[in-house]
Amino acid sequence: MGFCFDCGAPLELRQVEGKPRFFCPSCQRVHYAQLKVGAGALVEQNRGLLLLRRTTDPFRACWNLPAGYVEADEAPRQAVVREVWEETGLRVEPTGLVDVYYFDDDPRGNGILIVYRCRRAGGLLTATREGADPTFFASHDVPTDVAGGGHDQAIDAWRGAQRQIQGRANHV
């Protein structure tokens, strides 16, 4: 950040509220760093989770959920539908919020990944320029090379839930 979004004056780094923050000496505006916001999908089929291989950095060639950044003019639920379509060719409908995962391991910045459970509503599963090898993995077959940015946390939580479901089924 070099210049104020409001008045265009050069910004200074000052201690504000106990942290170094960009401050405009002209209009007195504090420019707070903002988290990146992503939306991701848990799409299941036959007890398998849909993952795809990233085709770009960071985390190139790692497995992740269909997901991406939320645009400034869309709601996260709209973003997850758009991202799944762009990355997999599937049409989905979000059926519920799974969780929100904070991450600080992405070189593009810290953020949150909002994960929705989604059901298939059409389309044809296909590789795209944004996601290669779309595959449904059983919990015990999930690859170890999983992307960060909250994807690792969401996938681990899904695997844990699957183990609990299996454990309950084995005790019945």
C-alpha atoms as a PDB file:
ATOM      1  CA  MET A   1       0.000   0.000   0.000  1.00  0.00           C
ATOM      2  CA  GLY A   2       1.540   3.285  -1.009  1.00  0.00           C
ATOM      3  CA  PHE A   3      -1.251   5.830  -1.353  1.00  0.00           C
ATOM      4  CA  CYS A   4      -4.560   6.580   0.344  1.00  0.00           C
ATOM      5  CA  PHE A   5      -7.597   5.142  -1.434  1.00  0.00           C
ATOM      6  CA  ASP A   6      -9.636   8.183  -0.435  1.00  0.00           C
ATOM      7  CA  CYS A   7      -7.413  11.228  -1.087  1.00  0.00           C
ATOM      8  CA  GLY A   8      -4.336   9.859  -2.875  1.00  0.00           C
ATOM      9  CA  ALA A   9      -1.816  11.136  -0.323  1.00  0.00           C
ATOM     10  CA  PRO A  10       1.257   8.997   0.489  1.00  0.00           C
ATOM     11  CA  LEU A  11       0.670   6.657   3.414  1.00  0.00           C
ATOM     12  CA  GLU A  12       2.830   6.379   6.520  1.00  0.00           C
ATOM     13  CA  LEU A  13       3.362   3.343   8.694  1.00  0.00           C
ATOM     14  CA  ARG A  14       2.307   4.264  12.248  1.00  0.00           C
ATOM     15  CA  GLN A  15       1.448   2.489  15.475  1.00  0.00           C
ATOM     16  CA  VAL A  16      -2.359   2.503  15.680  1.00  0.00           C
ATOM     17  CA  GLU A  17      -4.219   0.423  18.255  1.00  0.00           C
ATOM     18  CA  GLY A  18      -0.960  -1.278  19.203  1.00  0.00           C
ATOM     19  CA  LYS A  19      -0.092  -2.462  15.685  1.00  0.00           C
ATOM     20  CA  PRO A  20       1.808  -0.999  12.745  1.00  0.00           C
ATOM     21  CA  ARG A  21      -0.815   0.179  10.248  1.00  0.00           C
ATOM     22  CA  PHE A  22      -0.870   2.317   7.143  1.00  0.00           C
ATOM     23  CA  PHE A  23      -2.148   5.791   8.013  1.00  0.00           C
ATOM     24  CA  CYS A  24      -2.990   8.799   5.843  1.00  0.00           C
ATOM     25  CA  PRO A  25      -1.664  12.001   7.441  1.00  0.00           C
ATOM     26  CA  SER A  26      -3.803  14.071   5.061  1.00  0.00           C
ATOM     27  CA  CYS A  27      -7.317  12.685   5.700  1.00  0.00           C
ATOM     28  CA  GLN A  28      -6.499  10.810   8.940  1.00  0.00           C
ATOM     29  CA  ARG A  29      -7.758   7.467   7.602  1.00  0.00           C
ATOM     30  CA  VAL A  30      -6.345   4.236   8.976  1.00  0.00           C
ATOM     31  CA  HIS A  31      -5.997   1.599   6.244  1.00  0.00           C
ATOM     32  CA  TYR A  32      -6.639  -1.754   7.899  1.00  0.00           C
ATOM     33  CA  ALA A  33      -5.267  -4.910   6.290  1.00  0.00           C
ATOM     34  CA  GLN A  34      -8.147  -7.155   5.209  1.00  0.00           C
ATOM     35  CA  LEU A  35      -8.383 -10.920   5.101  1.00  0.00           C
ATOM     36  CA  LYS A  36      -8.791 -12.647   1.749  1.00  0.00           C
ATOM     37  CA  VAL A  37     -12.179 -14.404   1.586  1.00  0.00           C
ATOM     38  CA  GLY A  38     -12.588 -17.688  -0.252  1.00  0.00           C
ATOM     39  CA  ALA A  39     -15.527 -20.035  -0.708  1.00  0.00           C
ATOM     40  CA  GLY A  40     -15.101 -23.791  -1.073  1.00  0.00           C
ATOM     41  CA  ALA A  41     -17.336 -26.779  -1.683  1.00  0.00           C
ATOM     42  CA  LEU A  42     -17.659 -30.182  -0.052  1.00  0.00           C
ATOM     43  CA  VAL A  43     -19.177 -32.237  -2.864  1.00  0.00           C
ATOM     44  CA  GLU A  44     -19.669 -35.900  -1.992  1.00  0.00           C
ATOM     45  CA  GLN A  45     -20.504 -38.944  -4.047  1.00  0.00           C
ATOM     46  CA  ASN A  46     -20.645 -42.521  -2.728  1.00  0.00           C
ATOM     47  CA  ARG A  47     -18.942 -41.387   0.505  1.00  0.00           C
ATOM     48  CA  GLY A  48     -16.131 -39.829  -1.497  1.00  0.00           C
ATOM     49  CA  LEU A  49     -15.048 -36.182  -1.460  1.00  0.00           C
ATOM     50  CA  LEU A  50     -14.402 -34.261  -4.686  1.00  0.00           C
ATOM     51  CA  LEU A  51     -10.852 -32.931  -4.889  1.00  0.00           C
ATOM     52  CA  LEU A  52      -8.893 -31.522  -7.793  1.00  0.00           C
ATOM     53  CA  ARG A  53      -5.265 -30.770  -8.451  1.00  0.00           C
ATOM     54  CA  ARG A  54      -4.272 -27.107  -8.489  1.00  0.00           C
ATOM     55  CA  THR A  55      -2.805 -25.940 -11.774  1.00  0.00           C
ATOM     56  CA  THR A  56      -1.361 -22.650 -10.523  1.00  0.00           C
ATOM     57  CA  ASP A  57       0.808 -21.345  -7.708  1.00  0.00           C
ATOM     58  CA  PRO A  58       0.683 -21.266  -4.813  1.00  0.00           C
ATOM     59  CA  PHE A  59       0.170 -24.922  -3.958  1.00  0.00           C
ATOM     60  CA  ARG A  60       0.574 -26.004  -7.618  1.00  0.00           C
ATOM     61  CA  ALA A  61      -0.071 -29.752  -8.076  1.00  0.00           C
ATOM     62  CA  CYS A  62      -1.562 -30.102  -4.578  1.00  0.00           C
ATOM     63  CA  TRP A  63      -5.078 -31.406  -4.075  1.00  0.00           C
ATOM     64  CA  ASN A  64      -7.827 -29.053  -2.916  1.00  0.00           C
ATOM     65  CA  LEU A  65     -11.555 -28.558  -2.762  1.00  0.00           C
ATOM     66  CA  PRO A  66     -13.239 -26.725  -5.616  1.00  0.00           C
ATOM     67  CA  ALA A  67     -12.898 -23.163  -4.318  1.00  0.00           C
ATOM     68  CA  GLY A  68     -11.804 -19.629  -5.014  1.00  0.00           C
ATOM     69  CA  TYR A  69     -11.950 -16.030  -3.940  1.00  0.00           C
ATOM     70  CA  VAL A  70     -15.257 -14.302  -3.338  1.00  0.00           C
ATOM     71  CA  GLU A  71     -15.657 -11.302  -5.644  1.00  0.00           C
ATOM     72  CA  ALA A  72     -16.559  -7.933  -4.089  1.00  0.00           C
ATOM     73  CA  ASP A  73     -19.974  -7.967  -5.787  1.00  0.00           C
ATOM     74  CA  GLU A  74     -21.103 -11.487  -4.862  1.00  0.00           C
ATOM     75  CA  ALA A  75     -22.167 -13.376  -1.778  1.00  0.00           C
ATOM     76  CA  PRO A  76     -20.026 -16.337  -0.673  1.00  0.00           C
ATOM     77  CA  ARG A  77     -22.832 -18.777  -1.594  1.00  0.00           C
ATOM     78  CA  GLN A  78     -22.822 -17.369  -5.132  1.00  0.00           C
ATOM     79  CA  ALA A  79     -19.023 -17.592  -5.257  1.00  0.00           C
ATOM     80  CA  VAL A  80     -18.971 -21.281  -4.348  1.00  0.00           C
ATOM     81  CA  VAL A  81     -21.471 -22.079  -7.121  1.00  0.00           C
ATOM     82  CA  ARG A  82     -19.402 -20.080  -9.633  1.00  0.00           C
ATOM     83  CA  GLU A  83     -16.084 -21.567  -8.537  1.00  0.00           C
ATOM     84  CA  VAL A  84     -17.302 -25.173  -8.672  1.00  0.00           C
ATOM     85  CA  TRP A  85     -18.621 -24.565 -12.196  1.00  0.00           C
ATOM     86  CA  GLU A  86     -15.384 -22.893 -13.361  1.00  0.00           C
ATOM     87  CA  GLU A  87     -13.132 -25.558 -11.841  1.00  0.00           C
ATOM     88  CA  THR A  88     -15.098 -28.780 -12.431  1.00  0.00           C
ATOM     89  CA  GLY A  89     -17.936 -28.239 -14.922  1.00  0.00           C
ATOM     90  CA  LEU A  90     -20.476 -29.198 -12.248  1.00  0.00           C
ATOM     91  CA  ARG A  91     -23.540 -27.220 -11.267  1.00  0.00           C
ATOM     92  CA  VAL A  92     -24.096 -27.351  -7.513  1.00  0.00           C
ATOM     93  CA  GLU A  93     -26.511 -26.089  -4.895  1.00  0.00           C
ATOM     94  CA  PRO A  94     -25.171 -25.195  -1.460  1.00  0.00           C
ATOM     95  CA  THR A  95     -27.150 -27.062   1.193  1.00  0.00           C
ATOM     96  CA  GLY A  96     -25.478 -25.734   4.312  1.00  0.00           C
ATOM     97  CA  LEU A  97     -22.484 -24.089   5.895  1.00  0.00           C
ATOM     98  CA  VAL A  98     -19.803 -26.562   7.022  1.00  0.00           C
ATOM     99  CA  ASP A  99     -17.341 -24.221   8.748  1.00  0.00           C
ATOM    100  CA  VAL A 100     -15.050 -21.224   8.317  1.00  0.00           C
ATOM    101  CA  TYR A 101     -11.296 -21.856   8.367  1.00  0.00           C
ATOM    102  CA  TYR A 102      -8.671 -19.179   9.070  1.00  0.00           C
ATOM    103  CA  PHE A 103      -5.361 -19.561   7.228  1.00  0.00           C
ATOM    104  CA  ASP A 104      -2.004 -17.796   7.351  1.00  0.00           C
ATOM    105  CA  ASP A 105       0.002 -20.079   5.055  1.00  0.00           C
ATOM    106  CA  ASP A 106      -0.836 -18.510   1.665  1.00  0.00           C
ATOM    107  CA  PRO A 107       1.835 -16.167   0.266  1.00  0.00           C
ATOM    108  CA  ARG A 108      -0.935 -14.007  -1.262  1.00  0.00           C
ATOM    109  CA  GLY A 109      -2.152 -13.106   2.227  1.00  0.00           C
ATOM    110  CA  ASN A 110      -4.013 -14.363   5.263  1.00  0.00           C
ATOM    111  CA  GLY A 111      -7.672 -15.159   4.924  1.00  0.00           C
ATOM    112  CA  ILE A 112     -10.680 -17.305   5.612  1.00  0.00           C
ATOM    113  CA  LEU A 113     -12.127 -20.161   3.607  1.00  0.00           C
ATOM    114  CA  ILE A 114     -15.903 -20.481   3.955  1.00  0.00           C
ATOM    115  CA  VAL A 115     -16.855 -24.082   3.189  1.00  0.00           C
ATOM    116  CA  TYR A 116     -20.342 -25.156   2.095  1.00  0.00           C
ATOM    117  CA  ARG A 117     -21.764 -28.627   1.697  1.00  0.00           C
ATOM    118  CA  CYS A 118     -23.028 -28.764  -1.892  1.00  0.00           C
ATOM    119  CA  ARG A 119     -25.133 -31.219  -3.837  1.00  0.00           C
ATOM    120  CA  ARG A 120     -24.720 -31.879  -7.523  1.00  0.00           C
ATOM    121  CA  ALA A 121     -27.409 -30.240  -9.636  1.00  0.00           C
ATOM    122  CA  GLY A 122     -26.111 -30.908 -13.145  1.00  0.00           C
ATOM    123  CA  GLY A 123     -23.145 -30.493 -15.424  1.00  0.00           C
ATOM    124  CA  LEU A 124     -20.419 -32.921 -16.370  1.00  0.00           C
ATOM    125  CA  LEU A 125     -17.366 -33.468 -14.191  1.00  0.00           C
ATOM    126  CA  THR A 126     -14.324 -32.451 -16.206  1.00  0.00           C
ATOM    127  CA  ALA A 127     -10.788 -31.155 -15.820  1.00  0.00           C
ATOM    128  CA  THR A 128     -10.385 -27.431 -16.504  1.00  0.00           C
ATOM    129  CA  ARG A 129      -7.529 -24.965 -16.767  1.00  0.00           C
ATOM    130  CA  GLU A 130      -8.089 -24.220 -13.058  1.00  0.00           C
ATOM    131  CA  GLY A 131      -8.373 -27.785 -11.783  1.00  0.00           C
ATOM    132  CA  ALA A 132      -6.862 -31.013 -13.091  1.00  0.00           C
ATOM    133  CA  ASP A 133      -7.792 -34.611 -12.283  1.00  0.00           C
ATOM    134  CA  PRO A 134     -11.138 -34.043 -10.505  1.00  0.00           C
ATOM    135  CA  THR A 135     -11.588 -37.180  -8.398  1.00  0.00           C
ATOM    136  CA  PHE A 136     -13.860 -38.406  -5.611  1.00  0.00           C
ATOM    137  CA  PHE A 137     -11.709 -39.823  -2.806  1.00  0.00           C
ATOM    138  CA  ALA A 138     -12.809 -42.063   0.039  1.00  0.00           C
ATOM    139  CA  SER A 139     -11.582 -40.726   3.383  1.00  0.00           C
ATOM    140  CA  HIS A 140      -8.824 -43.356   3.613  1.00  0.00           C
ATOM    141  CA  ASP A 141      -7.629 -42.583   0.054  1.00  0.00           C
ATOM    142  CA  VAL A 142      -7.264 -38.782   0.319  1.00  0.00           C
ATOM    143  CA  PRO A 143      -3.794 -37.852  -0.983  1.00  0.00           C
ATOM    144  CA  THR A 144      -1.218 -36.465   1.430  1.00  0.00           C
ATOM    145  CA  ASP A 145      -0.198 -33.547  -0.815  1.00  0.00           C
ATOM    146  CA  VAL A 146      -3.128 -31.281   0.093  1.00  0.00           C
ATOM    147  CA  ALA A 147      -3.110 -27.508  -0.458  1.00  0.00           C
ATOM    148  CA  GLY A 148      -3.019 -25.023   2.397  1.00  0.00           C
ATOM    149  CA  GLY A 149      -5.191 -21.928   2.432  1.00  0.00           C
ATOM    150  CA  GLY A 150      -7.746 -23.645   4.658  1.00  0.00           C
ATOM    151  CA  HIS A 151      -8.182 -26.625   2.317  1.00  0.00           C
ATOM    152  CA  ASP A 152      -6.015 -28.859   4.511  1.00  0.00           C
ATOM    153  CA  GLN A 153      -8.112 -27.987   7.568  1.00  0.00           C
ATOM    154  CA  ALA A 154     -11.437 -28.562   5.800  1.00  0.00           C
ATOM    155  CA  ILE A 155     -10.321 -31.887   4.314  1.00  0.00           C
ATOM    156  CA  ASP A 156      -8.942 -33.065   7.677  1.00  0.00           C
ATOM    157  CA  ALA A 157     -12.242 -32.145   9.362  1.00  0.00           C
ATOM    158  CA  TRP A 158     -14.189 -34.053   6.681  1.00  0.00           C
ATOM    159  CA  ARG A 159     -11.953 -37.107   7.135  1.00  0.00           C
ATOM    160  CA  GLY A 160     -12.474 -36.938  10.914  1.00  0.00           C
ATOM    161  CA  ALA A 161     -16.244 -36.803  10.461  1.00  0.00           C
ATOM    162  CA  GLN A 162     -16.084 -39.799   8.111  1.00  0.00           C
ATOM    163  CA  ARG A 163     -14.107 -41.800  10.699  1.00  0.00           C
ATOM    164  CA  GLN A 164     -16.773 -40.998  13.321  1.00  0.00           C
ATOM    165  CA  ILE A 165     -19.539 -42.112  10.956  1.00  0.00           C
ATOM    166  CA  GLN A 166     -17.667 -45.366  10.232  1.00  0.00           C
ATOM    167  CA  GLY A 167     -17.038 -45.914  13.939  1.00  0.00           C
ATOM    168  CA  ARG A 168     -20.746 -45.535  14.739  1.00  0.00           C
ATOM    169  CA  ALA A 169     -21.679 -47.861  11.865  1.00  0.00           C
ATOM    170  CA  ASN A 170     -19.245 -50.500  13.142  1.00  0.00           C
ATOM    171  CA  HIS A 171     -20.831 -50.388  16.633  1.00  0.00           C
ATOM    172  CA  VAL A 172     -24.377 -50.916  15.400  1.00  0.00           C
END
